[in-house]
PDB file of N, CA and C in Angstrom:
ATOM      1  N   TRP A   1      -5.895   2.068 -26.930  1.00  0.00           N
ATOM      2  CA  TRP A   1      -4.314   1.978 -27.167  1.00  0.00           C
ATOM      3  C   TRP A   1      -3.754   2.732 -26.348  1.00  0.00           C
ATOM      4  N   ASN A   2      -4.458   3.093 -25.203  1.00  0.00           N
ATOM      5  CA  ASN A   2      -3.394   4.068 -24.211  1.00  0.00           C
ATOM      6  C   ASN A   2      -2.638   2.818 -23.087  1.00  0.00           C
ATOM      7  N   ARG A   3      -3.115   1.576 -23.041  1.00  0.00           N
ATOM      8  CA  ARG A   3      -2.340   0.380 -22.881  1.00  0.00           C
ATOM      9  C   ARG A   3      -0.913   0.187 -23.137  1.00  0.00           C
ATOM     10  N   ASP A   4      -1.180   0.541 -24.078  1.00  0.00           N
ATOM     11  CA  ASP A   4       0.057   0.414 -25.133  1.00  0.00           C
ATOM     12  C   ASP A   4       1.179   1.295 -24.751  1.00  0.00           C
ATOM     13  N   VAL A   5       0.890   2.506 -24.341  1.00  0.00           N
ATOM     14  CA  VAL A   5       1.419   3.647 -24.313  1.00  0.00           C
ATOM     15  C   VAL A   5       2.112   4.086 -22.861  1.00  0.00           C
ATOM     16  N   MET A   6       0.960   3.872 -21.711  1.00  0.00           N
ATOM     17  CA  MET A   6       1.251   3.829 -20.459  1.00  0.00           C
ATOM     18  C   MET A   6      -0.068   3.078 -19.943  1.00  0.00           C
ATOM     19  N   ASN A   7       0.683   1.847 -19.813  1.00  0.00           N
ATOM     20  CA  ASN A   7      -0.457   1.026 -18.834  1.00  0.00           C
ATOM     21  C   ASN A   7      -0.650   1.364 -17.382  1.00  0.00           C
ATOM     22  N   LEU A   8      -2.205   2.026 -16.587  1.00  0.00           N
ATOM     23  CA  LEU A   8      -2.139   2.252 -15.251  1.00  0.00           C
ATOM     24  C   LEU A   8      -2.611   1.337 -14.116  1.00  0.00           C
ATOM     25  N   ALA A   9      -2.965  -0.269 -14.865  1.00  0.00           N
ATOM     26  CA  ALA A   9      -3.872  -1.247 -14.201  1.00  0.00           C
ATOM     27  C   ALA A   9      -2.619  -1.522 -12.824  1.00  0.00           C
ATOM     28  N   PRO A  10      -2.889  -2.161 -12.236  1.00  0.00           N
ATOM     29  CA  PRO A  10      -4.303  -1.321 -11.369  1.00  0.00           C
ATOM     30  C   PRO A  10      -4.225  -0.334 -10.902  1.00  0.00           C
ATOM     31  N   PHE A  11      -5.055   0.387 -11.658  1.00  0.00           N
ATOM     32  CA  PHE A  11      -5.533   1.675 -11.232  1.00  0.00           C
ATOM     33  C   PHE A  11      -5.583   1.693  -9.742  1.00  0.00           C
ATOM     34  N   ASN A  12      -6.816   0.864  -9.239  1.00  0.00           N
ATOM     35  CA  ASN A  12      -7.300   1.523  -7.632  1.00  0.00           C
ATOM     36  C   ASN A  12      -5.497   1.249  -6.535  1.00  0.00           C
ATOM     37  N   LYS A  13      -5.010   0.296  -7.063  1.00  0.00           N
ATOM     38  CA  LYS A  13      -3.948   0.029  -6.150  1.00  0.00           C
ATOM     39  C   LYS A  13      -2.874   1.382  -6.290  1.00  0.00           C
ATOM     40  N   LYS A  14      -3.095   2.078  -7.332  1.00  0.00           N
ATOM     41  CA  LYS A  14      -2.274   3.427  -7.139  1.00  0.00           C
ATOM     42  C   LYS A  14      -2.587   3.924  -6.104  1.00  0.00           C
ATOM     43  N   TRP A  15      -3.603   4.153  -6.030  1.00  0.00           N
ATOM     44  CA  TRP A  15      -4.549   5.167  -5.053  1.00  0.00           C
ATOM     45  C   TRP A  15      -3.938   4.774  -3.849  1.00  0.00           C
ATOM     46  N   GLN A  16      -4.544   3.367  -3.430  1.00  0.00           N
ATOM     47  CA  GLN A  16      -3.787   3.019  -2.715  1.00  0.00           C
ATOM     48  C   GLN A  16      -2.834   3.303  -1.851  1.00  0.00           C
ATOM     49  N   ALA A  17      -1.943   2.836  -2.597  1.00  0.00           N
ATOM     50  CA  ALA A  17      -0.536   3.608  -2.149  1.00  0.00           C
ATOM     51  C   ALA A  17      -0.012   4.818  -1.772  1.00  0.00           C
ATOM     52  N   PHE A  18      -1.008   5.658  -2.594  1.00  0.00           N
ATOM     53  CA  PHE A  18      -0.774   7.321  -1.676  1.00  0.00           C
ATOM     54  C   PHE A  18      -1.686   7.492  -0.861  1.00  0.00           C
ATOM     55  N   GLY A  19      -2.445   6.915  -0.248  1.00  0.00           N
ATOM     56  CA  GLY A  19      -2.992   6.733   1.063  1.00  0.00           C
ATOM     57  C   GLY A  19      -4.539   7.222   0.861  1.00  0.00           C
ATOM     58  N   TRP A  20      -4.960   6.857  -0.474  1.00  0.00           N
ATOM     59  CA  TRP A  20      -6.298   7.459  -0.501  1.00  0.00           C
ATOM     60  C   TRP A  20      -7.266   6.243  -0.422  1.00  0.00           C
ATOM     61  N   HIS A  21      -8.650   6.505  -0.005  1.00  0.00           N
ATOM     62  CA  HIS A  21      -9.788   5.621   0.204  1.00  0.00           C
ATOM     63  C   HIS A  21     -10.407   5.283  -1.327  1.00  0.00           C
ATOM     64  N   VAL A  22     -10.900   4.274  -1.722  1.00  0.00           N
ATOM     65  CA  VAL A  22     -10.760   4.335  -3.425  1.00  0.00           C
ATOM     66  C   VAL A  22     -12.300   2.944  -3.168  1.00  0.00           C
ATOM     67  N   ILE A  23     -13.562   3.775  -3.635  1.00  0.00           N
ATOM     68  CA  ILE A  23     -14.346   3.348  -3.912  1.00  0.00           C
ATOM     69  C   ILE A  23     -14.757   2.902  -5.644  1.00  0.00           C
ATOM     70  N   GLU A  24     -15.051   2.100  -5.911  1.00  0.00           N
ATOM     71  CA  GLU A  24     -15.114   1.797  -7.318  1.00  0.00           C
ATOM     72  C   GLU A  24     -16.514   1.190  -7.456  1.00  0.00           C
ATOM     73  N   VAL A  25     -16.834   1.798  -8.492  1.00  0.00           N
ATOM     74  CA  VAL A  25     -18.563   1.247  -9.035  1.00  0.00           C
ATOM     75  C   VAL A  25     -19.142   1.482 -10.587  1.00  0.00           C
ATOM     76  N   ASP A  26     -19.645   0.772 -10.953  1.00  0.00           N
ATOM     77  CA  ASP A  26     -20.389   0.346 -12.387  1.00  0.00           C
ATOM     78  C   ASP A  26     -20.731   1.976 -12.781  1.00  0.00           C
ATOM     79  N   GLY A  27     -20.064   2.689 -13.545  1.00  0.00           N
ATOM     80  CA  GLY A  27     -20.111   4.088 -13.835  1.00  0.00           C
ATOM     81  C   GLY A  27     -22.033   4.421 -14.855  1.00  0.00           C
ATOM     82  N   HIS A  28     -22.552   3.583 -14.999  1.00  0.00           N
ATOM     83  CA  HIS A  28     -23.563   3.098 -15.730  1.00  0.00           C
ATOM     84  C   HIS A  28     -24.742   3.000 -14.699  1.00  0.00           C
ATOM     85  N   ASP A  29     -24.175   2.851 -13.081  1.00  0.00           N
ATOM     86  CA  ASP A  29     -25.700   2.755 -12.241  1.00  0.00           C
ATOM     87  C   ASP A  29     -25.647   3.961 -11.577  1.00  0.00           C
ATOM     88  N   LEU A  30     -26.840   4.798 -11.675  1.00  0.00           N
ATOM     89  CA  LEU A  30     -27.038   5.407 -10.826  1.00  0.00           C
ATOM     90  C   LEU A  30     -26.527   5.429  -9.563  1.00  0.00           C
ATOM     91  N   THR A  31     -27.653   4.457  -8.518  1.00  0.00           N
ATOM     92  CA  THR A  31     -27.818   3.970  -7.531  1.00  0.00           C
ATOM     93  C   THR A  31     -26.349   3.972  -6.867  1.00  0.00           C
ATOM     94  N   GLN A  32     -25.778   3.228  -7.449  1.00  0.00           N
ATOM     95  CA  GLN A  32     -24.041   2.836  -6.979  1.00  0.00           C
ATOM     96  C   GLN A  32     -23.457   4.270  -7.132  1.00  0.00           C
ATOM     97  N   LEU A  33     -23.544   4.980  -8.082  1.00  0.00           N
ATOM     98  CA  LEU A  33     -22.417   6.398  -7.927  1.00  0.00           C
ATOM     99  C   LEU A  33     -23.678   6.842  -6.678  1.00  0.00           C
ATOM    100  N   ILE A  34     -24.672   7.340  -6.732  1.00  0.00           N
ATOM    101  CA  ILE A  34     -25.101   7.790  -5.369  1.00  0.00           C
ATOM    102  C   ILE A  34     -24.616   7.618  -3.921  1.00  0.00           C
ATOM    103  N   ASP A  35     -24.264   5.840  -4.062  1.00  0.00           N
ATOM    104  CA  ASP A  35     -24.131   5.386  -2.905  1.00  0.00           C
ATOM    105  C   ASP A  35     -22.326   5.759  -2.633  1.00  0.00           C
ATOM    106  N   ALA A  36     -21.794   5.498  -3.641  1.00  0.00           N
ATOM    107  CA  ALA A  36     -20.334   5.998  -3.411  1.00  0.00           C
ATOM    108  C   ALA A  36     -20.433   7.505  -3.165  1.00  0.00           C
ATOM    109  N   PHE A  37     -20.965   8.511  -3.295  1.00  0.00           N
ATOM    110  CA  PHE A  37     -20.963   9.853  -3.194  1.00  0.00           C
ATOM    111  C   PHE A  37     -21.069   9.933  -1.561  1.00  0.00           C
ATOM    112  N   ARG A  38     -22.328   8.947  -1.151  1.00  0.00           N
ATOM    113  CA  ARG A  38     -22.696   9.105   0.661  1.00  0.00           C
ATOM    114  C   ARG A  38     -21.447   8.626   1.301  1.00  0.00           C
ATOM    115  N   GLN A  39     -21.120   7.302   0.533  1.00  0.00           N
ATOM    116  CA  GLN A  39     -19.737   6.568   1.578  1.00  0.00           C
ATOM    117  C   GLN A  39     -18.602   7.649   1.313  1.00  0.00           C
ATOM    118  N   ALA A  40     -18.352   8.552   0.276  1.00  0.00           N
ATOM    119  CA  ALA A  40     -17.080   8.943   0.892  1.00  0.00           C
ATOM    120  C   ALA A  40     -17.246  10.712   1.694  1.00  0.00           C
ATOM    121  N   LYS A  41     -18.381  10.762   1.591  1.00  0.00           N
ATOM    122  CA  LYS A  41     -18.517  12.115   2.632  1.00  0.00           C
ATOM    123  C   LYS A  41     -18.480  11.446   3.967  1.00  0.00           C
ATOM    124  N   LEU A  42     -18.574  10.169   4.209  1.00  0.00           N
ATOM    125  CA  LEU A  42     -18.235   9.749   5.697  1.00  0.00           C
ATOM    126  C   LEU A  42     -16.964   9.310   6.095  1.00  0.00           C
ATOM    127  N   VAL A  43     -15.970   9.070   4.759  1.00  0.00           N
ATOM    128  CA  VAL A  43     -14.768   9.162   5.332  1.00  0.00           C
ATOM    129  C   VAL A  43     -13.866  10.348   5.655  1.00  0.00           C
ATOM    130  N   LYS A  44     -13.485  10.231   6.825  1.00  0.00           N
ATOM    131  CA  LYS A  44     -12.823  11.353   7.554  1.00  0.00           C
ATOM    132  C   LYS A  44     -11.074  10.711   7.330  1.00  0.00           C
ATOM    133  N   GLY A  45     -10.289  11.755   7.821  1.00  0.00           N
ATOM    134  CA  GLY A  45      -8.955  11.740   7.731  1.00  0.00           C
ATOM    135  C   GLY A  45      -7.779  11.091   6.348  1.00  0.00           C
ATOM    136  N   GLN A  46      -8.683  10.915   5.263  1.00  0.00           N
ATOM    137  CA  GLN A  46      -8.185  10.705   4.014  1.00  0.00           C
ATOM    138  C   GLN A  46      -8.674  11.063   2.969  1.00  0.00           C
ATOM    139  N   PRO A  47      -8.018  11.285   1.206  1.00  0.00           N
ATOM    140  CA  PRO A  47      -8.765  11.564   0.314  1.00  0.00           C
ATOM    141  C   PRO A  47      -9.701  10.430   0.221  1.00  0.00           C
ATOM    142  N   THR A  48     -10.760  10.426  -0.799  1.00  0.00           N
ATOM    143  CA  THR A  48     -11.309   9.734  -1.589  1.00  0.00           C
ATOM    144  C   THR A  48     -11.540   9.975  -3.050  1.00  0.00           C
ATOM    145  N   VAL A  49     -11.339   8.895  -3.588  1.00  0.00           N
ATOM    146  CA  VAL A  49     -11.556   8.758  -4.832  1.00  0.00           C
ATOM    147  C   VAL A  49     -12.874   7.855  -5.390  1.00  0.00           C
ATOM    148  N   ILE A  50     -13.087   8.146  -6.496  1.00  0.00           N
ATOM    149  CA  ILE A  50     -14.287   7.103  -7.159  1.00  0.00           C
ATOM    150  C   ILE A  50     -13.971   6.765  -7.981  1.00  0.00           C
ATOM    151  N   ILE A  51     -13.496   5.453  -8.808  1.00  0.00           N
ATOM    152  CA  ILE A  51     -13.860   5.051  -9.890  1.00  0.00           C
ATOM    153  C   ILE A  51     -14.885   4.511 -10.459  1.00  0.00           C
ATOM    154  N   ALA A  52     -15.201   5.272 -11.230  1.00  0.00           N
ATOM    155  CA  ALA A  52     -16.447   4.573 -11.882  1.00  0.00           C
ATOM    156  C   ALA A  52     -16.455   3.865 -13.138  1.00  0.00           C
ATOM    157  N   HIS A  53     -16.363   2.580 -13.386  1.00  0.00           N
ATOM    158  CA  HIS A  53     -15.995   1.879 -14.755  1.00  0.00           C
ATOM    159  C   HIS A  53     -17.387   2.523 -15.381  1.00  0.00           C
ATOM    160  N   THR A  54     -17.062   2.751 -16.665  1.00  0.00           N
ATOM    161  CA  THR A  54     -17.633   2.724 -18.125  1.00  0.00           C
ATOM    162  C   THR A  54     -17.387   1.994 -19.275  1.00  0.00           C
ATOM    163  N   ILE A  55     -18.109   2.026 -20.180  1.00  0.00           N
ATOM    164  CA  ILE A  55     -17.937   1.819 -21.477  1.00  0.00           C
ATOM    165  C   ILE A  55     -18.542   2.578 -22.153  1.00  0.00           C
ATOM    166  N   LYS A  56     -17.542   3.526 -23.372  1.00  0.00           N
ATOM    167  CA  LYS A  56     -17.748   4.677 -24.420  1.00  0.00           C
ATOM    168  C   LYS A  56     -19.068   4.104 -25.060  1.00  0.00           C
ATOM    169  N   GLY A  57     -19.712   5.246 -24.962  1.00  0.00           N
ATOM    170  CA  GLY A  57     -21.072   4.892 -25.802  1.00  0.00           C
ATOM    171  C   GLY A  57     -22.235   3.526 -25.447  1.00  0.00           C
ATOM    172  N   LYS A  58     -21.983   3.487 -24.457  1.00  0.00           N
ATOM    173  CA  LYS A  58     -23.083   2.312 -23.885  1.00  0.00           C
ATOM    174  C   LYS A  58     -24.348   2.892 -23.699  1.00  0.00           C
ATOM    175  N   GLY A  59     -25.413   2.265 -23.943  1.00  0.00           N
ATOM    176  CA  GLY A  59     -27.005   2.739 -24.186  1.00  0.00           C
ATOM    177  C   GLY A  59     -27.086   3.665 -25.262  1.00  0.00           C
ATOM    178  N   GLY A  60     -26.367   4.116 -26.157  1.00  0.00           N
ATOM    179  CA  GLY A  60     -26.457   5.058 -27.250  1.00  0.00           C
ATOM    180  C   GLY A  60     -26.574   4.126 -28.127  1.00  0.00           C
ATOM    181  N   LYS A  61     -27.057   4.712 -29.270  1.00  0.00           N
ATOM    182  CA  LYS A  61     -28.087   3.829 -30.867  1.00  0.00           C
ATOM    183  C   LYS A  61     -27.495   4.850 -31.672  1.00  0.00           C
TER     184      LYS A  61
END
């Protein structure tokens, strides 16, 4: 329902427009998350945001 009130897509483009380095990952994949944090530590001269795409309740029963 948030998209009906305030659609933020494309989210990554908004961060990039403000000069941020954007890293997008599958938020359910631990390897991708660890790699993203490692990559973020290497970025110099600009802030970094990690966008972790997730699905609420994924993996739950």
